[in-house]
């Protein structure tokens, strides 16, 4: 019976680790997509401003 507690603790730790890894990967992918989107729109705005200012 003593060993069941240790096994359960390890299982919970593994599940928590997998959840944390999934969150990290998801946030990283979202951040990269967001950065690309901001770069795209920043370039568009700069191009419009340069056109309006005659540069």
PDB file of N, CA and C in Angstrom:
ATOM      1  N   UNK A   1       0.804  -1.211   0.000  1.00  0.00           N
ATOM      2  CA  UNK A   1       0.000   0.000   0.000  1.00  0.00           C
ATOM      3  C   UNK A   1       0.839   1.264   0.000  1.00  0.00           C
ATOM      4  N   UNK A   2       1.994   1.235   0.637  1.00  0.00           N
ATOM      5  CA  UNK A   2       2.846   2.413   0.694  1.00  0.00           C
ATOM      6  C   UNK A   2       3.293   2.848  -0.695  1.00  0.00           C
ATOM      7  N   UNK A   3       3.525   1.872  -1.571  1.00  0.00           N
ATOM      8  CA  UNK A   3       4.059   2.174  -2.892  1.00  0.00           C
ATOM      9  C   UNK A   3       3.033   2.855  -3.790  1.00  0.00           C
ATOM     10  N   UNK A   4       1.769   2.636  -3.547  1.00  0.00           N
ATOM     11  CA  UNK A   4       0.732   3.252  -4.376  1.00  0.00           C
ATOM     12  C   UNK A   4       0.748   4.774  -4.274  1.00  0.00           C
ATOM     13  N   UNK A   5       1.038   5.286  -3.097  1.00  0.00           N
ATOM     14  CA  UNK A   5       1.106   6.746  -2.931  1.00  0.00           C
ATOM     15  C   UNK A   5       2.236   7.342  -3.753  1.00  0.00           C
ATOM     16  N   UNK A   6       3.384   6.683  -3.747  1.00  0.00           N
ATOM     17  CA  UNK A   6       4.531   7.159  -4.510  1.00  0.00           C
ATOM     18  C   UNK A   6       4.265   7.117  -6.004  1.00  0.00           C
ATOM     19  N   UNK A   7       3.645   6.055  -6.451  1.00  0.00           N
ATOM     20  CA  UNK A   7       3.321   5.921  -7.879  1.00  0.00           C
ATOM     21  C   UNK A   7       2.322   6.986  -8.275  1.00  0.00           C
ATOM     22  N   UNK A   8       1.319   7.213  -7.464  1.00  0.00           N
ATOM     23  CA  UNK A   8       0.317   8.234  -7.773  1.00  0.00           C
ATOM     24  C   UNK A   8       0.954   9.613  -7.838  1.00  0.00           C
ATOM     25  N   UNK A   9       1.863   9.896  -6.935  1.00  0.00           N
ATOM     26  CA  UNK A   9       2.549  11.191  -6.945  1.00  0.00           C
ATOM     27  C   UNK A   9       3.347  11.371  -8.228  1.00  0.00           C
ATOM     28  N   UNK A  10       4.028  10.319  -8.646  1.00  0.00           N
ATOM     29  CA  UNK A  10       4.808  10.396  -9.880  1.00  0.00           C
ATOM     30  C   UNK A  10       3.889  10.591 -11.081  1.00  0.00           C
ATOM     31  N   UNK A  11       2.771   9.884 -11.095  1.00  0.00           N
ATOM     32  CA  UNK A  11       1.815  10.036 -12.200  1.00  0.00           C
ATOM     33  C   UNK A  11       1.290  11.472 -12.262  1.00  0.00           C
ATOM     34  N   UNK A  12       0.929  12.026 -11.129  1.00  0.00           N
ATOM     35  CA  UNK A  12       0.439  13.409 -11.103  1.00  0.00           C
ATOM     36  C   UNK A  12       1.522  14.387 -11.553  1.00  0.00           C
ATOM     37  N   UNK A  13       2.746  14.132 -11.154  1.00  0.00           N
ATOM     38  CA  UNK A  13       3.854  15.003 -11.566  1.00  0.00           C
ATOM     39  C   UNK A  13       4.060  14.920 -13.076  1.00  0.00           C
ATOM     40  N   UNK A  14       3.948  13.726 -13.641  1.00  0.00           N
ATOM     41  CA  UNK A  14       4.103  13.569 -15.085  1.00  0.00           C
ATOM     42  C   UNK A  14       2.970  14.258 -15.844  1.00  0.00           C
ATOM     43  N   UNK A  15       1.758  14.125 -15.351  1.00  0.00           N
ATOM     44  CA  UNK A  15       0.621  14.789 -15.987  1.00  0.00           C
ATOM     45  C   UNK A  15       0.789  16.303 -15.921  1.00  0.00           C
ATOM     46  N   UNK A  16       1.188  16.804 -14.758  1.00  0.00           N
ATOM     47  CA  UNK A  16       1.402  18.250 -14.607  1.00  0.00           C
ATOM     48  C   UNK A  16       2.508  18.733 -15.538  1.00  0.00           C
ATOM     49  N   UNK A  17       3.553  17.935 -15.698  1.00  0.00           N
ATOM     50  CA  UNK A  17       4.647  18.309 -16.602  1.00  0.00           C
ATOM     51  C   UNK A  17       4.173  18.371 -18.042  1.00  0.00           C
ATOM     52  N   UNK A  18       3.369  17.403 -18.453  1.00  0.00           N
ATOM     53  CA  UNK A  18       2.841  17.403 -19.821  1.00  0.00           C
ATOM     54  C   UNK A  18       1.908  18.589 -20.068  1.00  0.00           C
ATOM     55  N   UNK A  19       1.096  18.919 -19.093  1.00  0.00           N
ATOM     56  CA  UNK A  19       0.208  20.079 -19.221  1.00  0.00           C
ATOM     57  C   UNK A  19       1.034  21.353 -19.328  1.00  0.00           C
ATOM     58  N   UNK A  20       2.058  21.489 -18.492  1.00  0.00           N
ATOM     59  CA  UNK A  20       2.919  22.670 -18.539  1.00  0.00           C
ATOM     60  C   UNK A  20       3.622  22.771 -19.889  1.00  0.00           C
ATOM     61  N   UNK A  21       4.097  21.653 -20.409  1.00  0.00           N
ATOM     62  CA  UNK A  21       4.758  21.645 -21.713  1.00  0.00           C
ATOM     63  C   UNK A  21       3.792  22.065 -22.815  1.00  0.00           C
ATOM     64  N   UNK A  22       2.570  21.560 -22.770  1.00  0.00           N
ATOM     65  CA  UNK A  22       1.565  21.936 -23.771  1.00  0.00           C
ATOM     66  C   UNK A  22       1.266  23.431 -23.709  1.00  0.00           C
ATOM     67  N   UNK A  23       1.188  23.976 -22.512  1.00  0.00           N
ATOM     68  CA  UNK A  23       0.933  25.409 -22.359  1.00  0.00           C
ATOM     69  C   UNK A  23       2.099  26.221 -22.918  1.00  0.00           C
ATOM     70  N   UNK A  24       3.314  25.811 -22.614  1.00  0.00           N
ATOM     71  CA  UNK A  24       4.490  26.536 -23.098  1.00  0.00           C
ATOM     72  C   UNK A  24       4.548  26.522 -24.616  1.00  0.00           C
ATOM     73  N   UNK A  25       4.311  25.363 -25.216  1.00  0.00           N
ATOM     74  CA  UNK A  25       4.336  25.249 -26.683  1.00  0.00           C
ATOM     75  C   UNK A  25       3.221  26.095 -27.299  1.00  0.00           C
ATOM     76  N   UNK A  26       2.037  26.050 -26.715  1.00  0.00           N
ATOM     77  CA  UNK A  26       0.911  26.829 -27.229  1.00  0.00           C
ATOM     78  C   UNK A  26       1.142  28.323 -27.143  1.00  0.00           C
ATOM     79  N   UNK A  27       1.648  28.770 -26.025  1.00  0.00           N
ATOM     80  CA  UNK A  27       1.920  30.202 -25.854  1.00  0.00           C
ATOM     81  C   UNK A  27       3.036  30.648 -26.791  1.00  0.00           C
ATOM     82  N   UNK A  28       4.049  29.802 -26.955  1.00  0.00           N
ATOM     83  CA  UNK A  28       5.145  30.132 -27.872  1.00  0.00           C
ATOM     84  C   UNK A  28       4.664  30.265 -29.298  1.00  0.00           C
ATOM     85  N   UNK A  29       3.827  29.336 -29.743  1.00  0.00           N
ATOM     86  CA  UNK A  29       3.303  29.397 -31.110  1.00  0.00           C
ATOM     87  C   UNK A  29       2.415  30.622 -31.299  1.00  0.00           C
ATOM     88  N   UNK A  30       1.610  30.924 -30.308  1.00  0.00           N
ATOM     89  CA  UNK A  30       0.742  32.100 -30.390  1.00  0.00           C
ATOM     90  C   UNK A  30       1.575  33.374 -30.431  1.00  0.00           C
ATOM     91  N   UNK A  31       2.625  33.425 -29.636  1.00  0.00           N
ATOM     92  CA  UNK A  31       3.496  34.605 -29.616  1.00  0.00           C
ATOM     93  C   UNK A  31       4.187  34.815 -30.948  1.00  0.00           C
ATOM     94  N   UNK A  32       4.638  33.737 -31.582  1.00  0.00           N
ATOM     95  CA  UNK A  32       5.294  33.862 -32.883  1.00  0.00           C
ATOM     96  C   UNK A  32       4.316  34.360 -33.940  1.00  0.00           C
ATOM     97  N   UNK A  33       3.111  33.813 -33.938  1.00  0.00           N
ATOM     98  CA  UNK A  33       2.103  34.246 -34.904  1.00  0.00           C
ATOM     99  C   UNK A  33       1.737  35.713 -34.675  1.00  0.00           C
ATOM    100  N   UNK A  34       1.634  36.095 -33.421  1.00  0.00           N
ATOM    101  CA  UNK A  34       1.299  37.475 -33.087  1.00  0.00           C
ATOM    102  C   UNK A  34       2.414  38.429 -33.528  1.00  0.00           C
ATOM    103  N   UNK A  35       3.654  38.032 -33.324  1.00  0.00           N
ATOM    104  CA  UNK A  35       4.787  38.873 -33.724  1.00  0.00           C
ATOM    105  C   UNK A  35       4.813  39.058 -35.241  1.00  0.00           C
ATOM    106  N   UNK A  36       4.542  37.987 -35.984  1.00  0.00           N
ATOM    107  CA  UNK A  36       4.501  38.089 -37.447  1.00  0.00           C
ATOM    108  C   UNK A  36       3.383  39.019 -37.887  1.00  0.00           C
ATOM    109  N   UNK A  37       2.238  38.928 -37.223  1.00  0.00           N
ATOM    110  CA  UNK A  37       1.106  39.788 -37.565  1.00  0.00           C
ATOM    111  C   UNK A  37       1.442  41.255 -37.306  1.00  0.00           C
ATOM    112  N   UNK A  38       2.047  41.555 -36.162  1.00  0.00           N
ATOM    113  CA  UNK A  38       2.425  42.934 -35.844  1.00  0.00           C
ATOM    114  C   UNK A  38       3.464  43.459 -36.835  1.00  0.00           C
ATOM    115  N   UNK A  39       4.421  42.609 -37.199  1.00  0.00           N
ATOM    116  CA  UNK A  39       5.440  43.030 -38.166  1.00  0.00           C
ATOM    117  C   UNK A  39       4.803  43.360 -39.510  1.00  0.00           C
ATOM    118  N   UNK A  40       3.869  42.536 -39.939  1.00  0.00           N
ATOM    119  CA  UNK A  40       3.181  42.768 -41.206  1.00  0.00           C
ATOM    120  C   UNK A  40       2.468  44.115 -41.195  1.00  0.00           C
ATOM    121  N   UNK A  41       1.674  44.351 -40.168  1.00  0.00           N
ATOM    122  CA  UNK A  41       0.897  45.597 -40.119  1.00  0.00           C
ATOM    123  C   UNK A  41       1.778  46.818 -39.869  1.00  0.00           C
ATOM    124  N   UNK A  42       2.844  46.661 -39.121  1.00  0.00           N
ATOM    125  CA  UNK A  42       3.779  47.769 -38.916  1.00  0.00           C
ATOM    126  C   UNK A  42       4.393  48.179 -40.250  1.00  0.00           C
ATOM    127  N   UNK A  43       4.780  47.192 -41.054  1.00  0.00           N
ATOM    128  CA  UNK A  43       5.330  47.483 -42.389  1.00  0.00           C
ATOM    129  C   UNK A  43       4.336  48.208 -43.267  1.00  0.00           C
ATOM    130  N   UNK A  44       3.077  47.787 -43.213  1.00  0.00           N
ATOM    131  CA  UNK A  44       2.023  48.453 -44.007  1.00  0.00           C
ATOM    132  C   UNK A  44       1.852  49.909 -43.574  1.00  0.00           C
ATOM    133  N   UNK A  45       1.790  50.142 -42.266  1.00  0.00           N
ATOM    134  CA  UNK A  45       1.591  51.501 -41.760  1.00  0.00           C
ATOM    135  C   UNK A  45       2.784  52.384 -42.129  1.00  0.00           C
ATOM    136  N   UNK A  46       3.990  51.871 -42.003  1.00  0.00           N
ATOM    137  CA  UNK A  46       5.184  52.644 -42.364  1.00  0.00           C
ATOM    138  C   UNK A  46       5.176  52.982 -43.845  1.00  0.00           C
ATOM    139  N   UNK A  47       4.782  52.022 -44.675  1.00  0.00           N
ATOM    140  CA  UNK A  47       4.725  52.265 -46.119  1.00  0.00           C
ATOM    141  C   UNK A  47       3.707  53.359 -46.446  1.00  0.00           C
ATOM    142  N   UNK A  48       2.562  53.325 -45.800  1.00  0.00           N
ATOM    143  CA  UNK A  48       1.535  54.342 -46.043  1.00  0.00           C
ATOM    144  C   UNK A  48       2.024  55.714 -45.578  1.00  0.00           C
ATOM    145  N   UNK A  49       2.640  55.762 -44.411  1.00  0.00           N
ATOM    146  CA  UNK A  49       3.136  57.039 -43.905  1.00  0.00           C
ATOM    147  C   UNK A  49       4.258  57.597 -44.801  1.00  0.00           C
ATOM    148  N   UNK A  50       5.133  56.743 -45.264  1.00  0.00           N
ATOM    149  CA  UNK A  50       6.202  57.209 -46.159  1.00  0.00           C
ATOM    150  C   UNK A  50       5.617  57.706 -47.475  1.00  0.00           C
ATOM    151  N   UNK A  51       4.584  57.038 -47.969  1.00  0.00           N
ATOM    152  CA  UNK A  51       3.935  57.496 -49.202  1.00  0.00           C
ATOM    153  C   UNK A  51       3.254  58.837 -49.007  1.00  0.00           C
ATOM    154  N   UNK A  52       2.621  59.010 -47.856  1.00  0.00           N
ATOM    155  CA  UNK A  52       1.911  60.255 -47.580  1.00  0.00           C
ATOM    156  C   UNK A  52       2.886  61.411 -47.366  1.00  0.00           C
ATOM    157  N   UNK A  53       4.058  61.116 -46.835  1.00  0.00           N
ATOM    158  CA  UNK A  53       5.040  62.156 -46.566  1.00  0.00           C
ATOM    159  C   UNK A  53       5.989  62.391 -47.761  1.00  0.00           C
ATOM    160  N   UNK A  54       5.861  61.538 -48.774  1.00  0.00           N
ATOM    161  CA  UNK A  54       6.692  61.717 -49.967  1.00  0.00           C
ATOM    162  C   UNK A  54       8.113  61.215 -49.823  1.00  0.00           C
ATOM    163  N   UNK A  55       8.339  60.277 -48.946  1.00  0.00           N
ATOM    164  CA  UNK A  55       9.705  59.730 -48.764  1.00  0.00           C
ATOM    165  C   UNK A  55       9.921  58.553 -49.646  1.00  0.00           C
TER     166      UNK A  55
END
